[in-house]
Every structure is written in C-alpha cells, then in structure tokens.
N, C-alpha and C. Protein backbone atom coordinates (compact mmCIF):
# COMPACT_ATOMS: atom_id res chain seq x y z
N UNK A 1 10.99 -15.36 -0.17
CA UNK A 1 9.86 -14.49 -0.47
C UNK A 1 10.22 -13.06 -0.09
N UNK A 2 10.02 -12.16 -1.02
CA UNK A 2 10.42 -10.77 -0.80
C UNK A 2 9.38 -9.97 -0.02
N UNK A 3 8.11 -10.17 -0.32
CA UNK A 3 7.05 -9.40 0.33
C UNK A 3 6.29 -10.30 1.31
N UNK A 4 5.00 -10.40 1.14
CA UNK A 4 4.23 -11.33 1.99
C UNK A 4 3.25 -12.07 1.11
N UNK A 5 2.85 -13.24 1.57
CA UNK A 5 1.90 -14.02 0.80
C UNK A 5 0.55 -13.32 0.78
N UNK A 6 -0.09 -13.37 -0.36
CA UNK A 6 -1.43 -12.82 -0.47
C UNK A 6 -2.37 -13.58 0.47
N UNK A 7 -3.42 -12.91 0.89
CA UNK A 7 -4.41 -13.54 1.75
C UNK A 7 -5.28 -14.49 0.92
N UNK A 8 -6.01 -15.34 1.61
CA UNK A 8 -6.94 -16.25 0.93
C UNK A 8 -7.92 -15.46 0.07
N UNK A 9 -8.41 -14.33 0.60
CA UNK A 9 -9.36 -13.50 -0.13
C UNK A 9 -8.71 -12.91 -1.38
N UNK A 10 -7.45 -12.48 -1.26
CA UNK A 10 -6.75 -11.93 -2.42
C UNK A 10 -6.53 -13.00 -3.48
N UNK A 11 -6.17 -14.21 -3.04
CA UNK A 11 -6.01 -15.30 -4.01
C UNK A 11 -7.33 -15.59 -4.72
N UNK A 12 -8.43 -15.57 -3.96
CA UNK A 12 -9.73 -15.82 -4.58
C UNK A 12 -10.05 -14.74 -5.60
N UNK A 13 -9.74 -13.50 -5.26
CA UNK A 13 -9.98 -12.37 -6.17
C UNK A 13 -9.12 -12.49 -7.44
N UNK A 14 -7.93 -13.04 -7.29
CA UNK A 14 -6.98 -13.16 -8.40
C UNK A 14 -6.93 -14.59 -8.95
N UNK A 15 -8.03 -15.31 -8.81
CA UNK A 15 -8.09 -16.72 -9.21
C UNK A 15 -7.66 -16.91 -10.66
N UNK A 16 -8.22 -16.13 -11.57
CA UNK A 16 -7.90 -16.29 -13.00
C UNK A 16 -6.43 -15.96 -13.27
N UNK A 17 -5.92 -14.93 -12.63
CA UNK A 17 -4.51 -14.58 -12.80
C UNK A 17 -3.60 -15.70 -12.29
N UNK A 18 -4.01 -16.35 -11.20
CA UNK A 18 -3.22 -17.46 -10.67
C UNK A 18 -3.23 -18.64 -11.64
N UNK A 19 -4.39 -18.92 -12.23
CA UNK A 19 -4.48 -19.99 -13.24
C UNK A 19 -3.54 -19.67 -14.40
N UNK A 20 -3.55 -18.41 -14.85
CA UNK A 20 -2.66 -18.01 -15.95
C UNK A 20 -1.20 -18.15 -15.54
N UNK A 21 -0.89 -17.79 -14.29
CA UNK A 21 0.48 -17.92 -13.78
C UNK A 21 0.90 -19.39 -13.81
N UNK A 22 0.04 -20.28 -13.32
CA UNK A 22 0.36 -21.71 -13.34
C UNK A 22 0.55 -22.20 -14.77
N UNK A 23 -0.26 -21.68 -15.68
CA UNK A 23 -0.13 -22.09 -17.09
C UNK A 23 1.23 -21.68 -17.65
N UNK A 24 1.73 -20.51 -17.24
CA UNK A 24 3.06 -20.10 -17.70
C UNK A 24 4.14 -21.01 -17.14
N UNK A 25 3.83 -21.70 -16.04
CA UNK A 25 4.76 -22.66 -15.43
C UNK A 25 4.50 -24.07 -15.97
N UNK A 26 3.59 -24.18 -16.97
CA UNK A 26 3.18 -25.46 -17.55
C UNK A 26 2.58 -26.40 -16.50
N UNK A 27 1.81 -25.82 -15.57
CA UNK A 27 1.14 -26.60 -14.52
C UNK A 27 -0.36 -26.61 -14.83
N UNK A 28 -0.91 -27.79 -15.06
CA UNK A 28 -2.34 -27.92 -15.32
C UNK A 28 -3.11 -27.94 -14.00
N UNK A 29 -4.43 -27.87 -14.10
CA UNK A 29 -5.27 -27.91 -12.90
C UNK A 29 -5.07 -29.22 -12.16
N UNK A 30 -5.01 -30.33 -12.89
CA UNK A 30 -4.80 -31.63 -12.24
C UNK A 30 -3.43 -31.68 -11.56
N UNK A 31 -2.41 -31.18 -12.25
CA UNK A 31 -1.07 -31.17 -11.67
C UNK A 31 -1.02 -30.30 -10.41
N UNK A 32 -1.75 -29.19 -10.43
CA UNK A 32 -1.79 -28.31 -9.26
C UNK A 32 -2.42 -29.04 -8.07
N UNK A 33 -3.52 -29.72 -8.30
CA UNK A 33 -4.16 -30.49 -7.22
C UNK A 33 -3.22 -31.56 -6.69
N UNK A 34 -2.49 -32.21 -7.58
CA UNK A 34 -1.53 -33.23 -7.19
C UNK A 34 -0.38 -32.62 -6.38
N UNK A 35 0.09 -31.44 -6.83
CA UNK A 35 1.17 -30.74 -6.10
C UNK A 35 0.75 -30.42 -4.68
N UNK A 36 -0.47 -29.91 -4.52
CA UNK A 36 -0.94 -29.51 -3.19
C UNK A 36 -0.95 -30.70 -2.23
N UNK A 37 -1.29 -31.89 -2.75
CA UNK A 37 -1.39 -33.08 -1.91
C UNK A 37 -0.02 -33.74 -1.70
N UNK A 38 0.72 -33.91 -2.77
CA UNK A 38 1.93 -34.72 -2.72
C UNK A 38 3.23 -33.93 -2.54
N UNK A 39 3.22 -32.66 -2.91
CA UNK A 39 4.42 -31.83 -2.75
C UNK A 39 4.01 -30.44 -2.24
N UNK A 40 3.47 -30.41 -1.01
CA UNK A 40 2.94 -29.14 -0.50
C UNK A 40 3.99 -28.04 -0.44
N UNK A 41 5.26 -28.40 -0.20
CA UNK A 41 6.30 -27.36 -0.13
C UNK A 41 6.50 -26.70 -1.50
N UNK A 42 6.36 -27.46 -2.58
CA UNK A 42 6.47 -26.89 -3.92
C UNK A 42 5.25 -26.01 -4.22
N UNK A 43 4.08 -26.46 -3.78
CA UNK A 43 2.87 -25.65 -3.95
C UNK A 43 3.00 -24.33 -3.19
N UNK A 44 3.55 -24.41 -1.98
CA UNK A 44 3.77 -23.19 -1.18
C UNK A 44 4.70 -22.23 -1.91
N UNK A 45 5.75 -22.77 -2.52
CA UNK A 45 6.70 -21.94 -3.27
C UNK A 45 6.00 -21.24 -4.42
N UNK A 46 5.14 -21.96 -5.12
CA UNK A 46 4.40 -21.35 -6.24
C UNK A 46 3.51 -20.21 -5.73
N UNK A 47 2.85 -20.41 -4.59
CA UNK A 47 2.01 -19.35 -4.01
C UNK A 47 2.85 -18.12 -3.66
N UNK A 48 4.04 -18.37 -3.12
CA UNK A 48 4.93 -17.27 -2.74
C UNK A 48 5.43 -16.49 -3.96
N UNK A 49 5.83 -17.23 -4.99
CA UNK A 49 6.32 -16.58 -6.21
C UNK A 49 5.21 -15.73 -6.83
N UNK A 50 4.00 -16.29 -6.90
CA UNK A 50 2.87 -15.54 -7.45
C UNK A 50 2.59 -14.30 -6.60
N UNK A 51 2.61 -14.46 -5.28
CA UNK A 51 2.37 -13.30 -4.40
C UNK A 51 3.38 -12.19 -4.67
N UNK A 52 4.65 -12.55 -4.77
CA UNK A 52 5.68 -11.55 -5.03
C UNK A 52 5.46 -10.86 -6.38
N UNK A 53 5.06 -11.61 -7.38
CA UNK A 53 4.78 -11.01 -8.69
C UNK A 53 3.64 -10.00 -8.62
N UNK A 54 2.59 -10.36 -7.89
CA UNK A 54 1.44 -9.45 -7.74
C UNK A 54 1.87 -8.19 -6.98
N UNK A 55 2.59 -8.38 -5.87
CA UNK A 55 3.06 -7.23 -5.09
C UNK A 55 3.96 -6.34 -5.94
N UNK A 56 4.88 -6.94 -6.66
CA UNK A 56 5.81 -6.16 -7.49
C UNK A 56 5.05 -5.30 -8.49
N UNK A 57 4.05 -5.90 -9.14
CA UNK A 57 3.24 -5.14 -10.10
C UNK A 57 2.49 -4.00 -9.44
N UNK A 58 1.88 -4.27 -8.30
CA UNK A 58 1.11 -3.23 -7.59
C UNK A 58 2.03 -2.12 -7.11
N UNK A 59 3.19 -2.47 -6.58
CA UNK A 59 4.12 -1.47 -6.06
C UNK A 59 4.72 -0.64 -7.18
N UNK A 60 4.96 -1.25 -8.33
CA UNK A 60 5.47 -0.49 -9.48
C UNK A 60 4.48 0.57 -9.93
N UNK A 61 3.18 0.25 -9.83
CA UNK A 61 2.13 1.18 -10.27
C UNK A 61 1.78 2.22 -9.22
N UNK A 62 2.09 1.95 -7.95
CA UNK A 62 1.67 2.84 -6.86
C UNK A 62 2.33 4.21 -7.01
N UNK A 63 1.52 5.26 -6.98
CA UNK A 63 2.02 6.63 -7.06
C UNK A 63 1.75 7.43 -5.78
N UNK A 64 0.80 6.95 -4.97
CA UNK A 64 0.44 7.64 -3.73
C UNK A 64 0.17 6.63 -2.63
N UNK A 65 0.55 6.99 -1.41
CA UNK A 65 0.23 6.22 -0.22
C UNK A 65 -0.35 7.17 0.81
N UNK A 66 -1.25 6.66 1.63
CA UNK A 66 -1.81 7.43 2.74
C UNK A 66 -1.79 6.57 3.99
N UNK A 67 -1.50 7.22 5.11
CA UNK A 67 -1.62 6.54 6.41
C UNK A 67 -2.27 7.55 7.35
N UNK A 68 -3.47 7.23 7.78
CA UNK A 68 -4.23 8.15 8.63
C UNK A 68 -4.44 7.50 9.99
N UNK A 69 -4.03 8.22 11.02
CA UNK A 69 -4.23 7.77 12.39
C UNK A 69 -5.04 8.87 13.11
N UNK A 70 -5.43 8.66 14.36
CA UNK A 70 -6.30 9.64 15.01
C UNK A 70 -5.78 11.08 14.98
N UNK A 71 -4.50 11.31 15.19
CA UNK A 71 -3.97 12.68 15.26
C UNK A 71 -3.07 13.07 14.10
N UNK A 72 -2.84 12.14 13.15
CA UNK A 72 -1.89 12.42 12.08
C UNK A 72 -2.41 11.91 10.74
N UNK A 73 -2.06 12.63 9.70
CA UNK A 73 -2.35 12.20 8.34
C UNK A 73 -1.03 12.28 7.57
N UNK A 74 -0.58 11.13 7.09
CA UNK A 74 0.66 11.06 6.31
C UNK A 74 0.28 10.80 4.86
N UNK A 75 0.64 11.70 3.98
CA UNK A 75 0.30 11.60 2.56
C UNK A 75 1.60 11.59 1.76
N UNK A 76 1.76 10.59 0.90
CA UNK A 76 3.01 10.44 0.16
C UNK A 76 2.75 10.42 -1.34
N UNK A 77 3.57 11.18 -2.06
CA UNK A 77 3.62 11.09 -3.51
C UNK A 77 4.90 10.35 -3.84
N UNK A 78 4.78 9.24 -4.56
CA UNK A 78 5.91 8.36 -4.82
C UNK A 78 6.49 8.67 -6.20
N UNK A 79 7.45 9.57 -6.24
CA UNK A 79 8.12 9.91 -7.50
C UNK A 79 9.13 8.84 -7.85
N UNK A 80 9.75 8.98 -9.00
CA UNK A 80 10.76 8.01 -9.43
C UNK A 80 11.97 7.98 -8.50
N UNK A 81 12.42 9.17 -8.07
CA UNK A 81 13.68 9.23 -7.33
C UNK A 81 13.52 9.43 -5.82
N UNK A 82 12.35 9.86 -5.38
CA UNK A 82 12.13 10.07 -3.94
C UNK A 82 10.65 10.14 -3.62
N UNK A 83 10.37 10.08 -2.32
CA UNK A 83 9.00 10.23 -1.82
C UNK A 83 8.83 11.67 -1.34
N UNK A 84 7.71 12.27 -1.68
CA UNK A 84 7.35 13.58 -1.15
C UNK A 84 6.25 13.34 -0.11
N UNK A 85 6.45 13.88 1.07
CA UNK A 85 5.49 13.66 2.15
C UNK A 85 4.84 14.96 2.58
N UNK A 86 3.55 14.90 2.83
CA UNK A 86 2.81 15.96 3.51
C UNK A 86 2.26 15.32 4.78
N UNK A 87 2.54 15.95 5.90
CA UNK A 87 2.08 15.42 7.19
C UNK A 87 1.20 16.47 7.84
N UNK A 88 0.03 16.05 8.26
CA UNK A 88 -0.88 16.94 9.00
C UNK A 88 -0.94 16.38 10.43
N UNK A 89 -0.55 17.21 11.38
CA UNK A 89 -0.59 16.83 12.80
C UNK A 89 -1.68 17.63 13.49
N UNK A 90 -2.44 16.97 14.33
CA UNK A 90 -3.41 17.67 15.17
C UNK A 90 -2.86 17.75 16.58
N UNK A 91 -2.91 18.95 17.15
CA UNK A 91 -2.40 19.16 18.50
C UNK A 91 -3.52 19.18 19.53
N UNK A 92 -4.70 18.70 19.14
CA UNK A 92 -5.83 18.61 20.08
C UNK A 92 -6.29 17.15 20.14
N UNK A 93 -7.44 16.89 20.71
CA UNK A 93 -7.92 15.51 20.87
C UNK A 93 -8.90 15.08 19.79
N UNK A 94 -8.97 15.83 18.70
CA UNK A 94 -9.86 15.46 17.60
C UNK A 94 -9.31 14.20 16.93
N UNK A 95 -10.19 13.24 16.65
CA UNK A 95 -9.80 11.98 16.01
C UNK A 95 -10.24 12.03 14.54
N UNK A 96 -9.27 12.25 13.64
CA UNK A 96 -9.62 12.40 12.23
C UNK A 96 -9.95 11.07 11.53
N UNK A 97 -9.89 9.96 12.26
CA UNK A 97 -10.33 8.69 11.66
C UNK A 97 -11.84 8.52 11.77
N UNK A 98 -12.50 9.45 12.48
CA UNK A 98 -13.96 9.44 12.57
C UNK A 98 -14.52 10.46 11.60
N UNK A 99 -15.77 10.29 11.21
CA UNK A 99 -16.41 11.23 10.29
C UNK A 99 -16.45 12.63 10.90
N UNK A 100 -16.80 12.70 12.19
CA UNK A 100 -16.88 14.00 12.87
C UNK A 100 -15.50 14.67 12.93
N UNK A 101 -14.49 13.89 13.26
CA UNK A 101 -13.14 14.44 13.34
C UNK A 101 -12.61 14.89 11.99
N UNK A 102 -12.88 14.11 10.96
CA UNK A 102 -12.44 14.49 9.61
C UNK A 102 -13.16 15.77 9.17
N UNK A 103 -14.45 15.86 9.46
CA UNK A 103 -15.20 17.07 9.12
C UNK A 103 -14.64 18.27 9.88
N UNK A 104 -14.27 18.08 11.15
CA UNK A 104 -13.67 19.17 11.92
C UNK A 104 -12.39 19.64 11.24
N UNK A 105 -11.55 18.71 10.83
CA UNK A 105 -10.30 19.08 10.15
C UNK A 105 -10.59 19.84 8.88
N UNK A 106 -11.50 19.34 8.08
CA UNK A 106 -11.85 20.00 6.81
C UNK A 106 -12.33 21.44 7.05
N UNK A 107 -13.08 21.65 8.12
CA UNK A 107 -13.65 22.97 8.40
C UNK A 107 -12.68 23.88 9.16
N UNK A 108 -11.58 23.34 9.68
CA UNK A 108 -10.68 24.11 10.54
C UNK A 108 -9.21 23.98 10.13
N UNK A 109 -8.96 23.94 8.84
CA UNK A 109 -7.59 23.72 8.36
C UNK A 109 -6.61 24.79 8.84
N UNK A 110 -7.10 25.99 9.07
CA UNK A 110 -6.21 27.07 9.50
C UNK A 110 -6.19 27.27 11.02
N UNK A 111 -6.81 26.34 11.74
CA UNK A 111 -6.82 26.39 13.20
C UNK A 111 -5.39 26.22 13.73
N UNK A 112 -5.12 26.85 14.86
CA UNK A 112 -3.77 26.75 15.46
C UNK A 112 -3.42 25.32 15.89
N UNK A 113 -4.41 24.46 16.01
CA UNK A 113 -4.17 23.07 16.39
C UNK A 113 -3.83 22.17 15.21
N UNK A 114 -3.81 22.75 14.01
CA UNK A 114 -3.49 21.97 12.80
C UNK A 114 -2.12 22.41 12.31
N UNK A 115 -1.22 21.44 12.19
CA UNK A 115 0.15 21.72 11.77
C UNK A 115 0.44 20.96 10.47
N UNK A 116 1.00 21.68 9.48
CA UNK A 116 1.38 21.07 8.21
C UNK A 116 2.89 20.97 8.12
N UNK A 117 3.38 19.82 7.71
CA UNK A 117 4.81 19.62 7.50
C UNK A 117 5.01 19.00 6.12
N UNK A 118 6.15 19.29 5.52
CA UNK A 118 6.49 18.67 4.25
C UNK A 118 7.93 18.18 4.31
N UNK A 119 8.19 17.10 3.60
CA UNK A 119 9.55 16.57 3.56
C UNK A 119 9.70 15.69 2.33
N UNK A 120 10.93 15.51 1.92
CA UNK A 120 11.27 14.56 0.87
C UNK A 120 12.13 13.48 1.49
N UNK A 121 11.99 12.28 1.00
CA UNK A 121 12.80 11.17 1.50
C UNK A 121 13.29 10.36 0.32
N UNK A 122 14.59 10.10 0.29
CA UNK A 122 15.15 9.26 -0.76
C UNK A 122 14.79 7.81 -0.50
N UNK A 123 14.67 7.05 -1.57
CA UNK A 123 14.47 5.61 -1.45
C UNK A 123 15.80 4.96 -1.08
N UNK A 124 15.71 3.75 -0.55
CA UNK A 124 16.91 2.93 -0.39
C UNK A 124 17.18 2.29 -1.75
N UNK A 125 18.00 1.28 -1.79
CA UNK A 125 18.31 0.61 -3.05
C UNK A 125 17.11 -0.13 -3.64
N UNK A 126 16.09 -0.38 -2.82
CA UNK A 126 14.91 -1.13 -3.28
C UNK A 126 13.66 -0.32 -2.98
N UNK A 127 13.27 0.52 -3.93
CA UNK A 127 12.14 1.42 -3.65
C UNK A 127 10.82 0.69 -3.46
N UNK A 128 10.62 -0.44 -4.14
CA UNK A 128 9.38 -1.18 -3.92
C UNK A 128 9.32 -1.77 -2.52
N UNK A 129 10.45 -2.20 -2.00
CA UNK A 129 10.48 -2.70 -0.63
C UNK A 129 10.20 -1.56 0.36
N UNK A 130 10.70 -0.36 0.06
CA UNK A 130 10.40 0.81 0.90
C UNK A 130 8.89 1.06 0.93
N UNK A 131 8.25 1.00 -0.23
CA UNK A 131 6.80 1.20 -0.31
C UNK A 131 6.07 0.09 0.47
N UNK A 132 6.53 -1.15 0.28
CA UNK A 132 5.89 -2.29 0.95
C UNK A 132 5.96 -2.16 2.46
N UNK A 133 7.12 -1.73 2.97
CA UNK A 133 7.27 -1.57 4.42
C UNK A 133 6.27 -0.54 4.95
N UNK A 134 6.03 0.51 4.18
CA UNK A 134 5.04 1.51 4.60
C UNK A 134 3.64 0.91 4.62
N UNK A 135 3.34 0.06 3.66
CA UNK A 135 2.04 -0.62 3.62
C UNK A 135 1.90 -1.55 4.82
N UNK A 136 2.97 -2.27 5.14
CA UNK A 136 2.94 -3.15 6.31
C UNK A 136 2.67 -2.36 7.59
N UNK A 137 3.09 -1.09 7.62
CA UNK A 137 2.89 -0.26 8.80
C UNK A 137 1.53 0.44 8.80
N UNK A 138 0.70 0.19 7.78
CA UNK A 138 -0.65 0.72 7.78
C UNK A 138 -1.00 1.64 6.64
N UNK A 139 -0.06 1.98 5.78
CA UNK A 139 -0.36 2.85 4.64
C UNK A 139 -1.17 2.06 3.60
N UNK A 140 -1.95 2.79 2.82
CA UNK A 140 -2.72 2.18 1.74
C UNK A 140 -2.42 2.93 0.44
N UNK A 141 -2.46 2.19 -0.66
CA UNK A 141 -2.27 2.79 -1.98
C UNK A 141 -3.53 3.55 -2.34
N UNK A 142 -3.35 4.80 -2.82
CA UNK A 142 -4.52 5.62 -3.21
C UNK A 142 -4.27 6.25 -4.57
N UNK A 143 -5.28 7.00 -5.02
CA UNK A 143 -5.15 7.75 -6.27
C UNK A 143 -4.58 9.14 -6.05
N UNK A 144 -4.38 9.51 -4.80
CA UNK A 144 -3.71 10.78 -4.50
C UNK A 144 -4.58 12.00 -4.35
N UNK A 145 -5.89 11.82 -4.21
CA UNK A 145 -6.77 12.98 -4.09
C UNK A 145 -6.41 13.84 -2.88
N UNK A 146 -6.22 13.21 -1.73
CA UNK A 146 -5.88 13.99 -0.52
C UNK A 146 -4.51 14.65 -0.66
N UNK A 147 -3.54 13.91 -1.17
CA UNK A 147 -2.20 14.50 -1.34
C UNK A 147 -2.29 15.74 -2.24
N UNK A 148 -2.95 15.60 -3.37
CA UNK A 148 -3.02 16.72 -4.32
C UNK A 148 -3.81 17.90 -3.75
N UNK A 149 -4.87 17.62 -3.00
CA UNK A 149 -5.65 18.68 -2.36
C UNK A 149 -4.76 19.49 -1.40
N UNK A 150 -4.07 18.79 -0.51
CA UNK A 150 -3.24 19.49 0.47
C UNK A 150 -2.00 20.11 -0.16
N UNK A 151 -1.47 19.49 -1.21
CA UNK A 151 -0.34 20.07 -1.93
C UNK A 151 -0.71 21.43 -2.51
N UNK A 152 -1.89 21.53 -3.13
CA UNK A 152 -2.36 22.80 -3.68
C UNK A 152 -2.63 23.81 -2.56
N UNK A 153 -3.18 23.32 -1.45
CA UNK A 153 -3.53 24.19 -0.33
C UNK A 153 -2.30 24.85 0.29
N UNK A 154 -1.24 24.08 0.48
CA UNK A 154 -0.10 24.63 1.23
C UNK A 154 1.04 25.11 0.34
N UNK A 155 1.00 24.82 -0.94
CA UNK A 155 2.09 25.29 -1.82
C UNK A 155 1.58 26.37 -2.72
C-alpha cells in the first residue's frame, strides 16, 4: 500500500465508487460478502488498492495545501515541477487557529510581529507521495484562496 487506507467514514462516503471499483474487478455484492468472511486478507487487499486509487486521484488534482498552526501558516501552491511556499510566522503569542487570533493577523499584517517568507521546493521522484506526506503531517487540500491572497499581498 502506497498511501493509507481510507477511514470507515471515507469508505461510506465513497460507497458507490467502491461498488464500481469492485465491478471493474468482476466482484459482485455476494462475492464481496463471501470474500470478507472467507478470505479476509484478499478483502483487505481490495480495500487497500481502492484507497490508493482514491488517494492518487485526489493528489493528482491537488493544487494547493495549507497547514495552519498557532504561530505559523504554511501555504503551498503545487505546480507541475515544484512547490511554491508562503510561510507566515508570528513572533508573538497570538494563536491564529482561533477566530480572535486570525482576525488579529488579518488586521495587523504589517505588524513587526508578522514575518513573511517565500521558498520553492523541488519534488522528489514521487510528487504525489511528497504531497501525501505533507497531508499526513497536518496539511489539507484547499482551493488556494489564502495562498493567492498572500501571494498578491507580498509580490
């Protein structure tokens, strides 16, 4: 397995897609029930393969990632050849994961306690795995509104 198995909730959300996936494997509903009981290791493999397919599709489509912690905001634009990062560091005790802290940041972008950094990072040989590792560390796929806002602000 390349990524991680989808959660029970994710499988429930993707129920129809999983049925379609099993159909492409020529597995009927009855055969699936039989597999789960009599060949659980094969059923587990099917779950893993499906999970990897879903992750691969999502990672291929991902164009932006965000990771926000109390004192830092990491915003990534995922280009074809490299990642562009905008990092906002707070040098005070404001927690931007709270509504009050985020509002403070929005109202005080030019404050001396707000630091903007930019960097580019090349992908390794497996760019989707690079993206996945960032998600495992807390990043989420977004539409890029924050990245584009700060990109316009500082460039």
